[in-house]
């Protein structure tokens, strides 16, 4: 006599999505990528293998030069030159912010200075 485990209303993919949401909320982007890659389940509307998924991975991994290289052809055409320059500024700004966060100066009693972007 074999017994089957009881059917559950919660699917495995639901649990994985819940974990992915949690990991994103606590800022563990690389862990999100690893779990998505291992399970084949993407959080949100990202479709694996698309250019958007590629760009998302580069941003999460902090591969700013790869992003700039990807968008480099936009700078060759005069009609896309201005958007290309704005994109370069955004990428460089994010690179600097990531660097500042990584090198944040610690205050007494373990309180870290907060970084704010003023636009």
PDB file of N, CA and C in Angstrom:
ATOM      1  N   UNK A   1       0.835  -1.173   0.000  1.00  0.00           N
ATOM      2  CA  UNK A   1       0.000   0.000   0.000  1.00  0.00           C
ATOM      3  C   UNK A   1       0.885   1.243   0.000  1.00  0.00           C
ATOM      4  N   UNK A   2       0.761   2.057  -1.011  1.00  0.00           N
ATOM      5  CA  UNK A   2       1.558   3.273  -1.060  1.00  0.00           C
ATOM      6  C   UNK A   2       0.662   4.470  -0.756  1.00  0.00           C
ATOM      7  N   UNK A   3       1.247   5.391  -0.038  1.00  0.00           N
ATOM      8  CA  UNK A   3       0.462   6.579   0.301  1.00  0.00           C
ATOM      9  C   UNK A   3       1.072   7.790  -0.390  1.00  0.00           C
ATOM     10  N   UNK A   4       0.227   8.589  -0.968  1.00  0.00           N
ATOM     11  CA  UNK A   4       0.674   9.804  -1.635  1.00  0.00           C
ATOM     12  C   UNK A   4       0.673  10.947  -0.636  1.00  0.00           C
ATOM     13  N   UNK A   5       1.614  11.872  -0.791  1.00  0.00           N
ATOM     14  CA  UNK A   5       1.565  13.048   0.074  1.00  0.00           C
ATOM     15  C   UNK A   5       0.304  13.851  -0.241  1.00  0.00           C
ATOM     16  N   UNK A   6      -0.268  14.524   0.758  1.00  0.00           N
ATOM     17  CA  UNK A   6      -1.494  15.284   0.514  1.00  0.00           C
ATOM     18  C   UNK A   6      -1.255  16.415  -0.491  1.00  0.00           C
ATOM     19  N   UNK A   7      -2.259  16.633  -1.314  1.00  0.00           N
ATOM     20  CA  UNK A   7      -2.165  17.726  -2.292  1.00  0.00           C
ATOM     21  C   UNK A   7      -2.164  19.050  -1.543  1.00  0.00           C
ATOM     22  N   UNK A   8      -1.311  19.929  -1.975  1.00  0.00           N
ATOM     23  CA  UNK A   8      -1.188  21.223  -1.308  1.00  0.00           C
ATOM     24  C   UNK A   8      -1.692  22.320  -2.231  1.00  0.00           C
ATOM     25  N   UNK A   9      -2.311  23.314  -1.642  1.00  0.00           N
ATOM     26  CA  UNK A   9      -2.789  24.451  -2.423  1.00  0.00           C
ATOM     27  C   UNK A   9      -1.634  25.366  -2.814  1.00  0.00           C
ATOM     28  N   UNK A  10      -0.526  25.249  -2.106  1.00  0.00           N
ATOM     29  CA  UNK A  10       0.631  26.081  -2.382  1.00  0.00           C
ATOM     30  C   UNK A  10       1.563  25.331  -3.339  1.00  0.00           C
ATOM     31  N   UNK A  11       1.840  25.968  -4.452  1.00  0.00           N
ATOM     32  CA  UNK A  11       2.723  25.372  -5.441  1.00  0.00           C
ATOM     33  C   UNK A  11       4.176  25.733  -5.124  1.00  0.00           C
ATOM     34  N   UNK A  12       5.086  24.914  -5.576  1.00  0.00           N
ATOM     35  CA  UNK A  12       6.514  25.175  -5.384  1.00  0.00           C
ATOM     36  C   UNK A  12       6.915  26.518  -5.983  1.00  0.00           C
ATOM     37  N   UNK A  13       6.361  26.837  -7.139  1.00  0.00           N
ATOM     38  CA  UNK A  13       6.701  28.110  -7.787  1.00  0.00           C
ATOM     39  C   UNK A  13       6.238  29.300  -6.951  1.00  0.00           C
ATOM     40  N   UNK A  14       5.124  29.159  -6.234  1.00  0.00           N
ATOM     41  CA  UNK A  14       4.653  30.237  -5.356  1.00  0.00           C
ATOM     42  C   UNK A  14       5.659  30.504  -4.240  1.00  0.00           C
ATOM     43  N   UNK A  15       6.202  29.443  -3.691  1.00  0.00           N
ATOM     44  CA  UNK A  15       7.195  29.577  -2.617  1.00  0.00           C
ATOM     45  C   UNK A  15       8.459  30.233  -3.154  1.00  0.00           C
ATOM     46  N   UNK A  16       8.877  29.838  -4.348  1.00  0.00           N
ATOM     47  CA  UNK A  16      10.073  30.420  -4.950  1.00  0.00           C
ATOM     48  C   UNK A  16       9.854  31.906  -5.214  1.00  0.00           C
ATOM     49  N   UNK A  17       8.680  32.278  -5.715  1.00  0.00           N
ATOM     50  CA  UNK A  17       8.384  33.704  -5.933  1.00  0.00           C
ATOM     51  C   UNK A  17       8.402  34.477  -4.623  1.00  0.00           C
ATOM     52  N   UNK A  18       7.884  33.866  -3.570  1.00  0.00           N
ATOM     53  CA  UNK A  18       7.899  34.510  -2.255  1.00  0.00           C
ATOM     54  C   UNK A  18       9.333  34.740  -1.781  1.00  0.00           C
ATOM     55  N   UNK A  19      10.176  33.740  -1.955  1.00  0.00           N
ATOM     56  CA  UNK A  19      11.586  33.864  -1.563  1.00  0.00           C
ATOM     57  C   UNK A  19      12.283  34.914  -2.423  1.00  0.00           C
ATOM     58  N   UNK A  20      12.009  34.929  -3.728  1.00  0.00           N
ATOM     59  CA  UNK A  20      12.608  35.929  -4.618  1.00  0.00           C
ATOM     60  C   UNK A  20      12.192  37.342  -4.205  1.00  0.00           C
ATOM     61  N   UNK A  21      10.926  37.520  -3.872  1.00  0.00           N
ATOM     62  CA  UNK A  21      10.460  38.833  -3.394  1.00  0.00           C
ATOM     63  C   UNK A  21      11.216  39.255  -2.146  1.00  0.00           C
ATOM     64  N   UNK A  22      11.359  38.318  -1.214  1.00  0.00           N
ATOM     65  CA  UNK A  22      12.081  38.621   0.023  1.00  0.00           C
ATOM     66  C   UNK A  22      13.530  39.010  -0.267  1.00  0.00           C
ATOM     67  N   UNK A  23      14.191  38.237  -1.109  1.00  0.00           N
ATOM     68  CA  UNK A  23      15.592  38.510  -1.427  1.00  0.00           C
ATOM     69  C   UNK A  23      15.753  39.878  -2.078  1.00  0.00           C
ATOM     70  N   UNK A  24      14.829  40.242  -2.959  1.00  0.00           N
ATOM     71  CA  UNK A  24      14.882  41.576  -3.581  1.00  0.00           C
ATOM     72  C   UNK A  24      14.664  42.663  -2.538  1.00  0.00           C
ATOM     73  N   UNK A  25      13.716  42.435  -1.626  1.00  0.00           N
ATOM     74  CA  UNK A  25      13.410  43.432  -0.590  1.00  0.00           C
ATOM     75  C   UNK A  25      14.599  43.714   0.319  1.00  0.00           C
ATOM     76  N   UNK A  26      15.409  42.693   0.588  1.00  0.00           N
ATOM     77  CA  UNK A  26      16.556  42.889   1.480  1.00  0.00           C
ATOM     78  C   UNK A  26      17.834  43.205   0.709  1.00  0.00           C
ATOM     79  N   UNK A  27      17.717  43.393  -0.607  1.00  0.00           N
ATOM     80  CA  UNK A  27      18.851  43.845  -1.405  1.00  0.00           C
ATOM     81  C   UNK A  27      19.853  42.776  -1.784  1.00  0.00           C
ATOM     82  N   UNK A  28      19.413  41.545  -1.899  1.00  0.00           N
ATOM     83  CA  UNK A  28      20.323  40.461  -2.279  1.00  0.00           C
ATOM     84  C   UNK A  28      20.135  40.103  -3.755  1.00  0.00           C
ATOM     85  N   UNK A  29      20.466  41.075  -4.608  1.00  0.00           N
ATOM     86  CA  UNK A  29      20.250  40.928  -6.040  1.00  0.00           C
ATOM     87  C   UNK A  29      20.986  39.765  -6.676  1.00  0.00           C
ATOM     88  N   UNK A  30      22.227  39.556  -6.282  1.00  0.00           N
ATOM     89  CA  UNK A  30      22.989  38.447  -6.873  1.00  0.00           C
ATOM     90  C   UNK A  30      22.401  37.102  -6.473  1.00  0.00           C
ATOM     91  N   UNK A  31      21.873  37.025  -5.268  1.00  0.00           N
ATOM     92  CA  UNK A  31      21.228  35.790  -4.818  1.00  0.00           C
ATOM     93  C   UNK A  31      19.942  35.565  -5.606  1.00  0.00           C
ATOM     94  N   UNK A  32      19.218  36.653  -5.904  1.00  0.00           N
ATOM     95  CA  UNK A  32      18.017  36.556  -6.736  1.00  0.00           C
ATOM     96  C   UNK A  32      18.389  35.972  -8.097  1.00  0.00           C
ATOM     97  N   UNK A  33      19.440  36.502  -8.702  1.00  0.00           N
ATOM     98  CA  UNK A  33      19.868  36.002 -10.012  1.00  0.00           C
ATOM     99  C   UNK A  33      20.228  34.526  -9.953  1.00  0.00           C
ATOM    100  N   UNK A  34      20.938  34.136  -8.907  1.00  0.00           N
ATOM    101  CA  UNK A  34      21.350  32.735  -8.778  1.00  0.00           C
ATOM    102  C   UNK A  34      20.134  31.817  -8.635  1.00  0.00           C
ATOM    103  N   UNK A  35      19.165  32.224  -7.806  1.00  0.00           N
ATOM    104  CA  UNK A  35      17.970  31.407  -7.615  1.00  0.00           C
ATOM    105  C   UNK A  35      17.140  31.347  -8.892  1.00  0.00           C
ATOM    106  N   UNK A  36      17.015  32.473  -9.581  1.00  0.00           N
ATOM    107  CA  UNK A  36      16.283  32.481 -10.848  1.00  0.00           C
ATOM    108  C   UNK A  36      16.948  31.563 -11.865  1.00  0.00           C
ATOM    109  N   UNK A  37      18.255  31.630 -11.924  1.00  0.00           N
ATOM    110  CA  UNK A  37      18.997  30.794 -12.882  1.00  0.00           C
ATOM    111  C   UNK A  37      18.847  29.311 -12.548  1.00  0.00           C
ATOM    112  N   UNK A  38      18.941  29.000 -11.269  1.00  0.00           N
ATOM    113  CA  UNK A  38      18.874  27.589 -10.860  1.00  0.00           C
ATOM    114  C   UNK A  38      17.473  27.008 -11.014  1.00  0.00           C
ATOM    115  N   UNK A  39      16.440  27.798 -10.731  1.00  0.00           N
ATOM    116  CA  UNK A  39      15.075  27.277 -10.778  1.00  0.00           C
ATOM    117  C   UNK A  39      14.398  27.492 -12.125  1.00  0.00           C
ATOM    118  N   UNK A  40      14.897  28.464 -12.902  1.00  0.00           N
ATOM    119  CA  UNK A  40      14.241  28.794 -14.158  1.00  0.00           C
ATOM    120  C   UNK A  40      13.004  29.656 -13.971  1.00  0.00           C
ATOM    121  N   UNK A  41      12.796  30.123 -12.750  1.00  0.00           N
ATOM    122  CA  UNK A  41      11.653  30.980 -12.434  1.00  0.00           C
ATOM    123  C   UNK A  41      12.160  32.396 -12.233  1.00  0.00           C
ATOM    124  N   UNK A  42      11.601  33.337 -12.999  1.00  0.00           N
ATOM    125  CA  UNK A  42      12.017  34.729 -12.881  1.00  0.00           C
ATOM    126  C   UNK A  42      10.983  35.513 -12.108  1.00  0.00           C
ATOM    127  N   UNK A  43      11.466  36.421 -11.300  1.00  0.00           N
ATOM    128  CA  UNK A  43      10.581  37.286 -10.537  1.00  0.00           C
ATOM    129  C   UNK A  43      10.195  38.476 -11.395  1.00  0.00           C
ATOM    130  N   UNK A  44       8.935  38.768 -11.479  1.00  0.00           N
ATOM    131  CA  UNK A  44       8.490  39.882 -12.299  1.00  0.00           C
ATOM    132  C   UNK A  44       8.267  39.453 -13.729  1.00  0.00           C
ATOM    133  N   UNK A  45       8.361  40.405 -14.621  1.00  0.00           N
ATOM    134  CA  UNK A  45       8.072  40.158 -16.032  1.00  0.00           C
ATOM    135  C   UNK A  45       9.323  39.901 -16.864  1.00  0.00           C
ATOM    136  N   UNK A  46      10.430  39.589 -16.223  1.00  0.00           N
ATOM    137  CA  UNK A  46      11.680  39.359 -16.948  1.00  0.00           C
ATOM    138  C   UNK A  46      11.602  38.026 -17.670  1.00  0.00           C
ATOM    139  N   UNK A  47      11.970  38.025 -18.912  1.00  0.00           N
ATOM    140  CA  UNK A  47      11.989  36.797 -19.697  1.00  0.00           C
ATOM    141  C   UNK A  47      13.444  36.410 -19.891  1.00  0.00           C
ATOM    142  N   UNK A  48      13.832  35.236 -19.373  1.00  0.00           N
ATOM    143  CA  UNK A  48      15.235  34.825 -19.510  1.00  0.00           C
ATOM    144  C   UNK A  48      15.670  34.832 -20.977  1.00  0.00           C
ATOM    145  N   UNK A  49      16.883  35.272 -21.204  1.00  0.00           N
ATOM    146  CA  UNK A  49      17.431  35.277 -22.549  1.00  0.00           C
ATOM    147  C   UNK A  49      17.125  36.532 -23.343  1.00  0.00           C
ATOM    148  N   UNK A  50      16.337  37.449 -22.774  1.00  0.00           N
ATOM    149  CA  UNK A  50      16.036  38.678 -23.494  1.00  0.00           C
ATOM    150  C   UNK A  50      17.093  39.731 -23.186  1.00  0.00           C
ATOM    151  N   UNK A  51      17.087  40.787 -23.975  1.00  0.00           N
ATOM    152  CA  UNK A  51      18.031  41.872 -23.730  1.00  0.00           C
ATOM    153  C   UNK A  51      17.763  42.539 -22.388  1.00  0.00           C
ATOM    154  N   UNK A  52      16.486  42.643 -22.011  1.00  0.00           N
ATOM    155  CA  UNK A  52      16.164  43.235 -20.711  1.00  0.00           C
ATOM    156  C   UNK A  52      16.719  42.386 -19.566  1.00  0.00           C
ATOM    157  N   UNK A  53      16.614  41.081 -19.679  1.00  0.00           N
ATOM    158  CA  UNK A  53      17.164  40.200 -18.646  1.00  0.00           C
ATOM    159  C   UNK A  53      18.690  40.346 -18.591  1.00  0.00           C
ATOM    160  N   UNK A  54      19.313  40.482 -19.763  1.00  0.00           N
ATOM    161  CA  UNK A  54      20.758  40.692 -19.839  1.00  0.00           C
ATOM    162  C   UNK A  54      21.148  41.981 -19.131  1.00  0.00           C
ATOM    163  N   UNK A  55      20.423  43.077 -19.435  1.00  0.00           N
ATOM    164  CA  UNK A  55      20.720  44.366 -18.827  1.00  0.00           C
ATOM    165  C   UNK A  55      20.479  44.334 -17.322  1.00  0.00           C
ATOM    166  N   UNK A  56      19.409  43.698 -16.910  1.00  0.00           N
ATOM    167  CA  UNK A  56      19.103  43.564 -15.480  1.00  0.00           C
ATOM    168  C   UNK A  56      20.248  42.879 -14.749  1.00  0.00           C
ATOM    169  N   UNK A  57      20.753  41.802 -15.328  1.00  0.00           N
ATOM    170  CA  UNK A  57      21.865  41.064 -14.717  1.00  0.00           C
ATOM    171  C   UNK A  57      23.097  41.960 -14.597  1.00  0.00           C
ATOM    172  N   UNK A  58      23.386  42.724 -15.629  1.00  0.00           N
ATOM    173  CA  UNK A  58      24.563  43.606 -15.595  1.00  0.00           C
ATOM    174  C   UNK A  58      24.417  44.665 -14.508  1.00  0.00           C
ATOM    175  N   UNK A  59      23.211  45.204 -14.351  1.00  0.00           N
ATOM    176  CA  UNK A  59      22.983  46.213 -13.318  1.00  0.00           C
ATOM    177  C   UNK A  59      23.148  45.593 -11.934  1.00  0.00           C
ATOM    178  N   UNK A  60      22.527  44.456 -11.706  1.00  0.00           N
ATOM    179  CA  UNK A  60      22.601  43.810 -10.395  1.00  0.00           C
ATOM    180  C   UNK A  60      24.033  43.431 -10.048  1.00  0.00           C
ATOM    181  N   UNK A  61      24.781  42.971 -11.040  1.00  0.00           N
ATOM    182  CA  UNK A  61      26.165  42.576 -10.791  1.00  0.00           C
ATOM    183  C   UNK A  61      27.124  43.767 -10.780  1.00  0.00           C
ATOM    184  N   UNK A  62      26.614  44.955 -11.111  1.00  0.00           N
ATOM    185  CA  UNK A  62      27.456  46.145 -11.093  1.00  0.00           C
ATOM    186  C   UNK A  62      28.476  46.182 -12.217  1.00  0.00           C
ATOM    187  N   UNK A  63      28.149  45.589 -13.344  1.00  0.00           N
ATOM    188  CA  UNK A  63      29.063  45.554 -14.495  1.00  0.00           C
ATOM    189  C   UNK A  63      28.774  46.751 -15.396  1.00  0.00           C
ATOM    190  N   UNK A  64      29.165  47.914 -14.908  1.00  0.00           N
ATOM    191  CA  UNK A  64      28.833  49.173 -15.559  1.00  0.00           C
ATOM    192  C   UNK A  64      29.495  49.307 -16.921  1.00  0.00           C
ATOM    193  N   UNK A  65      30.727  48.862 -17.069  1.00  0.00           N
ATOM    194  CA  UNK A  65      31.406  48.954 -18.365  1.00  0.00           C
ATOM    195  C   UNK A  65      30.691  48.106 -19.414  1.00  0.00           C
ATOM    196  N   UNK A  66      30.191  46.945 -19.001  1.00  0.00           N
ATOM    197  CA  UNK A  66      29.439  46.098 -19.933  1.00  0.00           C
ATOM    198  C   UNK A  66      28.173  46.802 -20.407  1.00  0.00           C
ATOM    199  N   UNK A  67      27.512  47.519 -19.487  1.00  0.00           N
ATOM    200  CA  UNK A  67      26.323  48.284 -19.869  1.00  0.00           C
ATOM    201  C   UNK A  67      26.670  49.369 -20.879  1.00  0.00           C
ATOM    202  N   UNK A  68      27.731  50.099 -20.603  1.00  0.00           N
ATOM    203  CA  UNK A  68      28.147  51.158 -21.521  1.00  0.00           C
ATOM    204  C   UNK A  68      28.533  50.588 -22.881  1.00  0.00           C
ATOM    205  N   UNK A  69      29.202  49.442 -22.874  1.00  0.00           N
ATOM    206  CA  UNK A  69      29.565  48.795 -24.140  1.00  0.00           C
ATOM    207  C   UNK A  69      28.323  48.371 -24.926  1.00  0.00           C
ATOM    208  N   UNK A  70      27.319  47.885 -24.209  1.00  0.00           N
ATOM    209  CA  UNK A  70      26.083  47.441 -24.853  1.00  0.00           C
ATOM    210  C   UNK A  70      25.390  48.604 -25.565  1.00  0.00           C
ATOM    211  N   UNK A  71      25.405  49.771 -24.929  1.00  0.00           N
ATOM    212  CA  UNK A  71      24.722  50.927 -25.492  1.00  0.00           C
ATOM    213  C   UNK A  71      25.621  51.797 -26.374  1.00  0.00           C
ATOM    214  N   UNK A  72      26.881  51.435 -26.524  1.00  0.00           N
ATOM    215  CA  UNK A  72      27.829  52.225 -27.302  1.00  0.00           C
ATOM    216  C   UNK A  72      27.342  52.525 -28.723  1.00  0.00           C
ATOM    217  N   UNK A  73      26.747  51.574 -29.441  1.00  0.00           N
ATOM    218  CA  UNK A  73      26.304  51.885 -30.813  1.00  0.00           C
ATOM    219  C   UNK A  73      25.305  53.043 -30.890  1.00  0.00           C
ATOM    220  N   UNK A  74      24.575  53.310 -29.816  1.00  0.00           N
ATOM    221  CA  UNK A  74      23.633  54.435 -29.831  1.00  0.00           C
ATOM    222  C   UNK A  74      24.348  55.765 -30.029  1.00  0.00           C
ATOM    223  N   UNK A  75      25.573  55.860 -29.551  1.00  0.00           N
ATOM    224  CA  UNK A  75      26.326  57.099 -29.654  1.00  0.00           C
ATOM    225  C   UNK A  75      26.833  57.399 -31.043  1.00  0.00           C
ATOM    226  N   UNK A  76      26.743  56.446 -31.957  1.00  0.00           N
ATOM    227  CA  UNK A  76      27.229  56.632 -33.323  1.00  0.00           C
ATOM    228  C   UNK A  76      26.240  57.384 -34.197  1.00  0.00           C
ATOM    229  N   UNK A  77      24.968  57.307 -33.855  1.00  0.00           N
ATOM    230  CA  UNK A  77      23.909  57.914 -34.668  1.00  0.00           C
ATOM    231  C   UNK A  77      23.514  59.255 -34.061  1.00  0.00           C
ATOM    232  N   UNK A  78      23.469  60.291 -34.886  1.00  0.00           N
ATOM    233  CA  UNK A  78      23.160  61.626 -34.361  1.00  0.00           C
ATOM    234  C   UNK A  78      21.760  61.702 -33.768  1.00  0.00           C
ATOM    235  N   UNK A  79      20.836  60.864 -34.237  1.00  0.00           N
ATOM    236  CA  UNK A  79      19.475  60.910 -33.712  1.00  0.00           C
ATOM    237  C   UNK A  79      19.369  60.292 -32.320  1.00  0.00           C
ATOM    238  N   UNK A  80      20.338  59.477 -31.942  1.00  0.00           N
ATOM    239  CA  UNK A  80      20.308  58.849 -30.614  1.00  0.00           C
ATOM    240  C   UNK A  80      21.439  59.327 -29.725  1.00  0.00           C
ATOM    241  N   UNK A  81      22.160  60.344 -30.172  1.00  0.00           N
ATOM    242  CA  UNK A  81      23.313  60.821 -29.419  1.00  0.00           C
ATOM    243  C   UNK A  81      22.921  61.373 -28.045  1.00  0.00           C
ATOM    244  N   UNK A  82      21.897  62.202 -27.998  1.00  0.00           N
ATOM    245  CA  UNK A  82      21.482  62.797 -26.726  1.00  0.00           C
ATOM    246  C   UNK A  82      20.980  61.743 -25.731  1.00  0.00           C
ATOM    247  N   UNK A  83      20.092  60.818 -26.128  1.00  0.00           N
ATOM    248  CA  UNK A  83      19.701  59.757 -25.179  1.00  0.00           C
ATOM    249  C   UNK A  83      20.897  58.920 -24.720  1.00  0.00           C
ATOM    250  N   UNK A  84      21.858  58.718 -25.629  1.00  0.00           N
ATOM    251  CA  UNK A  84      23.050  57.962 -25.268  1.00  0.00           C
ATOM    252  C   UNK A  84      23.855  58.684 -24.198  1.00  0.00           C
ATOM    253  N   UNK A  85      24.001  59.987 -24.334  1.00  0.00           N
ATOM    254  CA  UNK A  85      24.732  60.774 -23.327  1.00  0.00           C
ATOM    255  C   UNK A  85      24.026  60.722 -21.974  1.00  0.00           C
ATOM    256  N   UNK A  86      22.683  60.842 -21.993  1.00  0.00           N
ATOM    257  CA  UNK A  86      21.930  60.767 -20.739  1.00  0.00           C
ATOM    258  C   UNK A  86      22.084  59.400 -20.094  1.00  0.00           C
ATOM    259  N   UNK A  87      22.072  58.371 -20.911  1.00  0.00           N
ATOM    260  CA  UNK A  87      22.255  57.012 -20.398  1.00  0.00           C
ATOM    261  C   UNK A  87      23.639  56.844 -19.770  1.00  0.00           C
ATOM    262  N   UNK A  88      24.658  57.385 -20.421  1.00  0.00           N
ATOM    263  CA  UNK A  88      26.009  57.335 -19.864  1.00  0.00           C
ATOM    264  C   UNK A  88      26.065  58.014 -18.496  1.00  0.00           C
ATOM    265  N   UNK A  89      25.414  59.150 -18.382  1.00  0.00           N
ATOM    266  CA  UNK A  89      25.409  59.877 -17.105  1.00  0.00           C
ATOM    267  C   UNK A  89      24.710  59.060 -16.026  1.00  0.00           C
ATOM    268  N   UNK A  90      23.589  58.438 -16.361  1.00  0.00           N
ATOM    269  CA  UNK A  90      22.860  57.617 -15.389  1.00  0.00           C
ATOM    270  C   UNK A  90      23.717  56.442 -14.929  1.00  0.00           C
ATOM    271  N   UNK A  91      24.366  55.772 -15.866  1.00  0.00           N
ATOM    272  CA  UNK A  91      25.208  54.620 -15.520  1.00  0.00           C
ATOM    273  C   UNK A  91      26.384  55.056 -14.651  1.00  0.00           C
ATOM    274  N   UNK A  92      27.027  56.142 -15.024  1.00  0.00           N
ATOM    275  CA  UNK A  92      28.170  56.623 -14.232  1.00  0.00           C
ATOM    276  C   UNK A  92      27.733  57.088 -12.848  1.00  0.00           C
ATOM    277  N   UNK A  93      26.585  57.723 -12.768  1.00  0.00           N
ATOM    278  CA  UNK A  93      26.048  58.152 -11.475  1.00  0.00           C
ATOM    279  C   UNK A  93      25.802  56.946 -10.569  1.00  0.00           C
ATOM    280  N   UNK A  94      25.228  55.897 -11.135  1.00  0.00           N
ATOM    281  CA  UNK A  94      24.969  54.692 -10.350  1.00  0.00           C
ATOM    282  C   UNK A  94      26.272  54.027  -9.920  1.00  0.00           C
ATOM    283  N   UNK A  95      27.255  54.029 -10.812  1.00  0.00           N
ATOM    284  CA  UNK A  95      28.564  53.462 -10.477  1.00  0.00           C
ATOM    285  C   UNK A  95      29.162  54.187  -9.265  1.00  0.00           C
ATOM    286  N   UNK A  96      29.095  55.512  -9.277  1.00  0.00           N
ATOM    287  CA  UNK A  96      29.629  56.302  -8.163  1.00  0.00           C
ATOM    288  C   UNK A  96      28.851  56.024  -6.884  1.00  0.00           C
ATOM    289  N   UNK A  97      27.523  55.969  -6.978  1.00  0.00           N
ATOM    290  CA  UNK A  97      26.706  55.706  -5.783  1.00  0.00           C
ATOM    291  C   UNK A  97      27.029  54.327  -5.186  1.00  0.00           C
ATOM    292  N   UNK A  98      27.192  53.335  -6.036  1.00  0.00           N
ATOM    293  CA  UNK A  98      27.532  51.989  -5.552  1.00  0.00           C
ATOM    294  C   UNK A  98      28.897  52.013  -4.853  1.00  0.00           C
ATOM    295  N   UNK A  99      29.828  52.741  -5.432  1.00  0.00           N
ATOM    296  CA  UNK A  99      31.157  52.838  -4.841  1.00  0.00           C
ATOM    297  C   UNK A  99      31.095  53.543  -3.484  1.00  0.00           C
ATOM    298  N   UNK A 100      30.328  54.622  -3.413  1.00  0.00           N
ATOM    299  CA  UNK A 100      30.189  55.341  -2.147  1.00  0.00           C
ATOM    300  C   UNK A 100      29.528  54.479  -1.075  1.00  0.00           C
ATOM    301  N   UNK A 101      28.529  53.708  -1.468  1.00  0.00           N
ATOM    302  CA  UNK A 101      27.876  52.816  -0.501  1.00  0.00           C
ATOM    303  C   UNK A 101      28.856  51.769   0.010  1.00  0.00           C
ATOM    304  N   UNK A 102      29.682  51.256  -0.884  1.00  0.00           N
ATOM    305  CA  UNK A 102      30.647  50.221  -0.496  1.00  0.00           C
ATOM    306  C   UNK A 102      31.725  50.785   0.422  1.00  0.00           C
ATOM    307  N   UNK A 103      32.013  52.057   0.272  1.00  0.00           N
ATOM    308  CA  UNK A 103      33.074  52.696   1.060  1.00  0.00           C
ATOM    309  C   UNK A 103      32.511  53.637   2.120  1.00  0.00           C
ATOM    310  N   UNK A 104      31.252  53.441   2.504  1.00  0.00           N
ATOM    311  CA  UNK A 104      30.599  54.361   3.447  1.00  0.00           C
ATOM    312  C   UNK A 104      31.416  54.472   4.732  1.00  0.00           C
ATOM    313  N   UNK A 105      31.574  55.708   5.182  1.00  0.00           N
ATOM    314  CA  UNK A 105      32.318  55.980   6.401  1.00  0.00           C
ATOM    315  C   UNK A 105      31.441  55.648   7.596  1.00  0.00           C
ATOM    316  N   UNK A 106      31.992  54.930   8.555  1.00  0.00           N
ATOM    317  CA  UNK A 106      31.244  54.558   9.759  1.00  0.00           C
ATOM    318  C   UNK A 106      31.363  55.643  10.813  1.00  0.00           C
ATOM    319  N   UNK A 107      30.258  55.917  11.451  1.00  0.00           N
ATOM    320  CA  UNK A 107      30.208  56.868  12.549  1.00  0.00           C
ATOM    321  C   UNK A 107      30.332  56.112  13.868  1.00  0.00           C
ATOM    322  N   UNK A 108      30.559  56.809  14.974  1.00  0.00           N
ATOM    323  CA  UNK A 108      30.601  56.138  16.276  1.00  0.00           C
ATOM    324  C   UNK A 108      29.330  55.338  16.531  1.00  0.00           C
ATOM    325  N   UNK A 109      29.435  54.301  17.311  1.00  0.00           N
ATOM    326  CA  UNK A 109      28.333  53.411  17.692  1.00  0.00           C
ATOM    327  C   UNK A 109      27.763  52.666  16.491  1.00  0.00           C
ATOM    328  N   UNK A 110      28.550  52.467  15.447  1.00  0.00           N
ATOM    329  CA  UNK A 110      28.146  51.641  14.324  1.00  0.00           C
ATOM    330  C   UNK A 110      27.094  52.234  13.405  1.00  0.00           C
ATOM    331  N   UNK A 111      26.760  53.503  13.564  1.00  0.00           N
ATOM    332  CA  UNK A 111      25.771  54.119  12.678  1.00  0.00           C
ATOM    333  C   UNK A 111      26.456  54.542  11.389  1.00  0.00           C
ATOM    334  N   UNK A 112      25.905  54.138  10.276  1.00  0.00           N
ATOM    335  CA  UNK A 112      26.483  54.502   8.974  1.00  0.00           C
ATOM    336  C   UNK A 112      25.844  55.786   8.477  1.00  0.00           C
ATOM    337  N   UNK A 113      26.621  56.574   7.777  1.00  0.00           N
ATOM    338  CA  UNK A 113      26.069  57.775   7.145  1.00  0.00           C
ATOM    339  C   UNK A 113      25.157  57.347   6.013  1.00  0.00           C
ATOM    340  N   UNK A 114      24.079  58.037   5.854  1.00  0.00           N
ATOM    341  CA  UNK A 114      23.183  57.726   4.751  1.00  0.00           C
ATOM    342  C   UNK A 114      23.545  58.584   3.564  1.00  0.00           C
ATOM    343  N   UNK A 115      23.400  58.002   2.396  1.00  0.00           N
ATOM    344  CA  UNK A 115      23.705  58.699   1.156  1.00  0.00           C
ATOM    345  C   UNK A 115      22.396  59.072   0.483  1.00  0.00           C
ATOM    346  N   UNK A 116      22.278  60.307   0.094  1.00  0.00           N
ATOM    347  CA  UNK A 116      21.087  60.755  -0.603  1.00  0.00           C
ATOM    348  C   UNK A 116      21.500  61.414  -1.907  1.00  0.00           C
ATOM    349  N   UNK A 117      20.716  61.159  -2.921  1.00  0.00           N
ATOM    350  CA  UNK A 117      20.969  61.782  -4.215  1.00  0.00           C
ATOM    351  C   UNK A 117      20.068  63.001  -4.326  1.00  0.00           C
ATOM    352  N   UNK A 118      20.669  64.144  -4.570  1.00  0.00           N
ATOM    353  CA  UNK A 118      19.919  65.380  -4.743  1.00  0.00           C
ATOM    354  C   UNK A 118      19.870  65.687  -6.224  1.00  0.00           C
ATOM    355  N   UNK A 119      18.678  65.825  -6.747  1.00  0.00           N
ATOM    356  CA  UNK A 119      18.549  66.092  -8.186  1.00  0.00           C
ATOM    357  C   UNK A 119      18.017  67.464  -8.426  1.00  0.00           C
TER     358      UNK A 119
END
